[in-house]
N, C-alpha and C. Protein backbone atom coordinates (compact mmCIF):
# COMPACT_ATOMS: atom_id res chain seq x y z
N MET A 1 92.14 -47.25 75.19
CA MET A 1 93.05 -47.64 76.24
C MET A 1 92.39 -47.39 77.60
N TYR A 2 92.59 -48.33 78.51
CA TYR A 2 92.03 -48.20 79.85
C TYR A 2 92.92 -47.34 80.71
N LYS A 3 92.32 -46.62 81.61
CA LYS A 3 93.07 -45.76 82.50
C LYS A 3 93.02 -46.38 83.90
N LEU A 4 94.17 -46.60 84.49
CA LEU A 4 94.24 -47.15 85.83
C LEU A 4 93.95 -46.05 86.83
N ILE A 5 92.99 -46.30 87.70
CA ILE A 5 92.64 -45.32 88.70
C ILE A 5 92.93 -45.93 90.06
N LEU A 6 93.82 -45.30 90.80
CA LEU A 6 94.15 -45.74 92.14
C LEU A 6 93.38 -44.88 93.13
N LEU A 7 92.68 -45.53 94.02
CA LEU A 7 91.81 -44.81 94.94
C LEU A 7 92.14 -45.13 96.38
N ASN A 8 92.14 -44.11 97.20
CA ASN A 8 92.20 -44.33 98.62
C ASN A 8 90.78 -44.25 99.15
N LYS A 9 90.62 -44.27 100.46
CA LYS A 9 89.25 -44.24 101.00
C LYS A 9 88.51 -42.96 100.62
N TYR A 10 89.23 -41.87 100.43
CA TYR A 10 88.57 -40.62 100.06
C TYR A 10 88.16 -40.64 98.59
N GLY A 11 88.91 -41.32 97.76
CA GLY A 11 88.54 -41.47 96.36
C GLY A 11 87.24 -42.27 96.22
N ILE A 12 87.11 -43.32 97.02
CA ILE A 12 85.88 -44.12 97.01
C ILE A 12 84.70 -43.26 97.48
N LYS A 13 84.90 -42.47 98.52
CA LYS A 13 83.82 -41.59 99.01
C LYS A 13 83.39 -40.61 97.91
N ASP A 14 84.35 -40.11 97.16
CA ASP A 14 84.04 -39.18 96.08
C ASP A 14 83.19 -39.88 95.00
N ILE A 15 83.55 -41.11 94.65
CA ILE A 15 82.77 -41.88 93.67
C ILE A 15 81.35 -42.11 94.21
N GLU A 16 81.24 -42.50 95.49
CA GLU A 16 79.93 -42.74 96.08
C GLU A 16 79.07 -41.47 96.01
N GLU A 17 79.68 -40.33 96.32
CA GLU A 17 78.93 -39.06 96.26
C GLU A 17 78.47 -38.76 94.83
N LYS A 18 79.34 -38.98 93.85
CA LYS A 18 79.00 -38.67 92.46
C LYS A 18 77.92 -39.64 91.93
N LEU A 19 78.00 -40.93 92.34
CA LEU A 19 77.01 -41.89 91.89
C LEU A 19 75.73 -41.82 92.71
N GLY A 20 75.82 -41.29 93.91
CA GLY A 20 74.67 -41.24 94.80
C GLY A 20 74.38 -42.57 95.45
N THR A 21 75.35 -43.46 95.44
CA THR A 21 75.18 -44.79 96.05
C THR A 21 76.56 -45.39 96.34
N ASN A 22 76.56 -46.34 97.25
CA ASN A 22 77.79 -47.12 97.48
C ASN A 22 77.59 -48.55 96.99
N ASN A 23 76.53 -48.73 96.21
CA ASN A 23 76.20 -50.05 95.69
C ASN A 23 76.77 -50.21 94.28
N PHE A 24 78.05 -50.48 94.23
CA PHE A 24 78.72 -50.74 92.95
C PHE A 24 79.83 -51.76 93.19
N LYS A 25 80.22 -52.43 92.13
CA LYS A 25 81.23 -53.48 92.23
C LYS A 25 82.61 -52.88 92.03
N ARG A 26 83.56 -53.42 92.78
CA ARG A 26 84.92 -52.93 92.66
C ARG A 26 85.93 -54.06 92.86
N LEU A 27 87.08 -53.90 92.31
CA LEU A 27 88.18 -54.85 92.47
C LEU A 27 89.19 -54.21 93.41
N LYS A 28 89.43 -54.87 94.53
CA LYS A 28 90.39 -54.36 95.50
C LYS A 28 91.59 -55.28 95.55
N VAL A 29 92.75 -54.69 95.54
CA VAL A 29 94.00 -55.45 95.63
C VAL A 29 94.72 -54.94 96.87
N GLY A 30 95.04 -55.85 97.79
CA GLY A 30 95.67 -55.45 99.04
C GLY A 30 97.18 -55.59 98.99
N ILE A 31 97.78 -55.20 100.09
CA ILE A 31 99.24 -55.32 100.24
C ILE A 31 99.54 -56.31 101.35
N SER A 32 100.80 -56.58 101.54
CA SER A 32 101.24 -57.50 102.58
C SER A 32 100.77 -57.03 103.95
N ASN A 33 100.58 -57.94 104.85
CA ASN A 33 100.19 -57.64 106.21
C ASN A 33 101.37 -57.85 107.15
N ASN A 34 102.57 -57.60 106.67
CA ASN A 34 103.78 -57.83 107.44
C ASN A 34 103.89 -56.76 108.53
N LYS A 35 103.75 -57.15 109.77
CA LYS A 35 103.80 -56.22 110.91
C LYS A 35 105.22 -55.75 111.22
N MET A 36 106.21 -56.38 110.59
CA MET A 36 107.61 -56.04 110.83
C MET A 36 108.02 -54.80 110.02
N ILE A 37 107.18 -54.40 109.06
CA ILE A 37 107.50 -53.26 108.20
C ILE A 37 106.40 -52.22 108.36
N ASP A 38 106.79 -50.97 108.57
CA ASP A 38 105.82 -49.89 108.64
C ASP A 38 105.11 -49.79 107.28
N THR A 39 103.79 -49.71 107.30
CA THR A 39 103.01 -49.70 106.06
C THR A 39 103.49 -48.61 105.10
N LYS A 40 103.75 -47.42 105.63
CA LYS A 40 104.22 -46.31 104.80
C LYS A 40 105.52 -46.70 104.08
N ASP A 41 106.45 -47.29 104.81
CA ASP A 41 107.72 -47.69 104.20
C ASP A 41 107.50 -48.79 103.18
N TYR A 42 106.59 -49.71 103.47
CA TYR A 42 106.32 -50.82 102.55
C TYR A 42 105.74 -50.30 101.23
N VAL A 43 104.76 -49.42 101.35
CA VAL A 43 104.06 -48.91 100.17
C VAL A 43 104.95 -47.98 99.35
N LEU A 44 105.73 -47.16 100.01
CA LEU A 44 106.54 -46.17 99.30
C LEU A 44 107.95 -46.66 99.00
N GLY A 45 108.34 -47.83 99.51
CA GLY A 45 109.69 -48.35 99.31
C GLY A 45 109.87 -48.97 97.94
N LYS A 46 111.08 -49.36 97.67
CA LYS A 46 111.41 -50.03 96.40
C LYS A 46 110.99 -51.49 96.45
N PHE A 47 110.56 -52.02 95.32
CA PHE A 47 110.19 -53.43 95.23
C PHE A 47 111.43 -54.31 95.26
N THR A 48 111.32 -55.40 96.00
CA THR A 48 112.37 -56.42 95.95
C THR A 48 112.11 -57.29 94.73
N LYS A 49 113.06 -58.15 94.41
CA LYS A 49 112.87 -59.08 93.29
C LYS A 49 111.64 -59.95 93.53
N GLU A 50 111.50 -60.42 94.79
CA GLU A 50 110.34 -61.26 95.13
C GLU A 50 109.03 -60.47 94.99
N ASP A 51 109.03 -59.20 95.43
CA ASP A 51 107.84 -58.36 95.29
C ASP A 51 107.45 -58.20 93.81
N LYS A 52 108.44 -58.00 92.97
CA LYS A 52 108.19 -57.84 91.54
C LYS A 52 107.57 -59.10 90.94
N GLU A 53 108.04 -60.27 91.37
CA GLU A 53 107.48 -61.54 90.88
C GLU A 53 106.04 -61.68 91.33
N ILE A 54 105.77 -61.34 92.58
CA ILE A 54 104.39 -61.41 93.10
C ILE A 54 103.49 -60.43 92.34
N LEU A 55 104.01 -59.24 92.09
CA LEU A 55 103.24 -58.23 91.37
C LEU A 55 102.90 -58.69 89.95
N GLU A 56 103.86 -59.31 89.27
CA GLU A 56 103.62 -59.82 87.93
C GLU A 56 102.50 -60.86 87.95
N LYS A 57 102.51 -61.77 88.92
CA LYS A 57 101.45 -62.77 89.04
C LYS A 57 100.12 -62.09 89.33
N SER A 58 100.15 -61.05 90.15
CA SER A 58 98.93 -60.33 90.51
C SER A 58 98.28 -59.69 89.31
N TYR A 59 99.09 -59.12 88.40
CA TYR A 59 98.55 -58.52 87.18
C TYR A 59 97.74 -59.54 86.39
N GLU A 60 98.32 -60.71 86.22
CA GLU A 60 97.63 -61.76 85.46
C GLU A 60 96.32 -62.15 86.11
N ILE A 61 96.34 -62.30 87.42
CA ILE A 61 95.11 -62.66 88.15
C ILE A 61 94.07 -61.56 88.03
N CYS A 62 94.49 -60.32 88.17
CA CYS A 62 93.55 -59.18 88.05
C CYS A 62 92.91 -59.14 86.68
N LEU A 63 93.71 -59.37 85.65
CA LEU A 63 93.17 -59.41 84.29
C LEU A 63 92.16 -60.53 84.12
N ASN A 64 92.43 -61.69 84.71
CA ASN A 64 91.48 -62.81 84.66
C ASN A 64 90.19 -62.44 85.38
N ILE A 65 90.30 -61.79 86.51
CA ILE A 65 89.10 -61.38 87.26
C ILE A 65 88.28 -60.42 86.43
N ILE A 66 88.93 -59.44 85.83
CA ILE A 66 88.21 -58.45 85.01
C ILE A 66 87.55 -59.13 83.80
N ASP A 67 88.26 -60.05 83.19
CA ASP A 67 87.70 -60.80 82.06
C ASP A 67 86.47 -61.59 82.52
N ASP A 68 86.59 -62.30 83.64
CA ASP A 68 85.47 -63.08 84.17
C ASP A 68 84.30 -62.19 84.59
N PHE A 69 84.60 -60.98 85.02
CA PHE A 69 83.56 -60.04 85.43
C PHE A 69 82.51 -59.86 84.33
N PHE A 70 82.98 -59.82 83.09
CA PHE A 70 82.07 -59.62 81.96
C PHE A 70 81.43 -60.90 81.46
N LYS A 71 81.90 -62.05 81.93
CA LYS A 71 81.42 -63.33 81.45
C LYS A 71 80.58 -64.11 82.45
N MET A 72 80.79 -63.84 83.75
CA MET A 72 80.18 -64.67 84.78
C MET A 72 79.13 -63.91 85.58
N ASN A 73 78.24 -64.67 86.17
CA ASN A 73 77.33 -64.14 87.17
C ASN A 73 78.18 -63.63 88.33
N PHE A 74 77.82 -62.49 88.92
CA PHE A 74 78.66 -61.87 89.94
C PHE A 74 78.84 -62.76 91.17
N ASP A 75 77.79 -63.45 91.59
CA ASP A 75 77.93 -64.33 92.76
C ASP A 75 78.92 -65.47 92.49
N LEU A 76 78.88 -66.01 91.27
CA LEU A 76 79.86 -67.04 90.91
C LEU A 76 81.28 -66.47 90.86
N LEU A 77 81.40 -65.28 90.33
CA LEU A 77 82.69 -64.60 90.27
C LEU A 77 83.27 -64.42 91.68
N MET A 78 82.43 -63.97 92.60
CA MET A 78 82.86 -63.76 93.99
C MET A 78 83.29 -65.08 94.61
N GLY A 79 82.50 -66.13 94.35
CA GLY A 79 82.86 -67.44 94.89
C GLY A 79 84.16 -67.98 94.34
N LYS A 80 84.44 -67.64 93.09
CA LYS A 80 85.66 -68.13 92.45
C LYS A 80 86.91 -67.44 93.03
N TYR A 81 86.82 -66.15 93.31
CA TYR A 81 88.01 -65.39 93.68
C TYR A 81 88.08 -64.96 95.15
N ASN A 82 86.98 -64.90 95.86
CA ASN A 82 87.02 -64.45 97.25
C ASN A 82 87.22 -65.63 98.20
N LYS A 83 88.39 -66.13 98.22
CA LYS A 83 88.74 -67.23 99.12
C LYS A 83 89.93 -66.77 99.93
N ARG A 84 89.93 -67.09 101.21
CA ARG A 84 91.02 -66.67 102.09
C ARG A 84 92.35 -67.23 101.61
N TRP A 85 92.35 -68.35 100.95
CA TRP A 85 93.60 -68.98 100.52
C TRP A 85 94.06 -68.46 99.16
N PHE A 86 93.31 -67.55 98.59
CA PHE A 86 93.64 -67.07 97.25
C PHE A 86 94.68 -65.96 97.33
N TYR A 87 95.91 -66.36 97.43
CA TYR A 87 97.02 -65.42 97.47
C TYR A 87 98.01 -65.79 96.37
N VAL A 88 98.79 -64.85 95.97
CA VAL A 88 99.72 -65.04 94.88
C VAL A 88 100.98 -65.78 95.36
N TRP A 89 101.41 -65.51 96.54
CA TRP A 89 102.66 -66.08 97.00
C TRP A 89 102.55 -67.42 97.61
């Protein structure tokens, strides 16, 4: 079974220190950029029905990215998923 590891910027620094490099691949998932909501309240608040639907779609996309990670050349993988228009909503 895979273990989900949630990292903040200090968690990443710890990994870099343990590996002795910052040259490693990672999957980053962001949150909304809604300036009307304080980030702390957004992150720690309850999910709305719409948020839950977006999150469900995000899980599927993340699984596809992880699957492709093992099948594709990394540059092609980045080209496939790193697009400004690639949002769930």
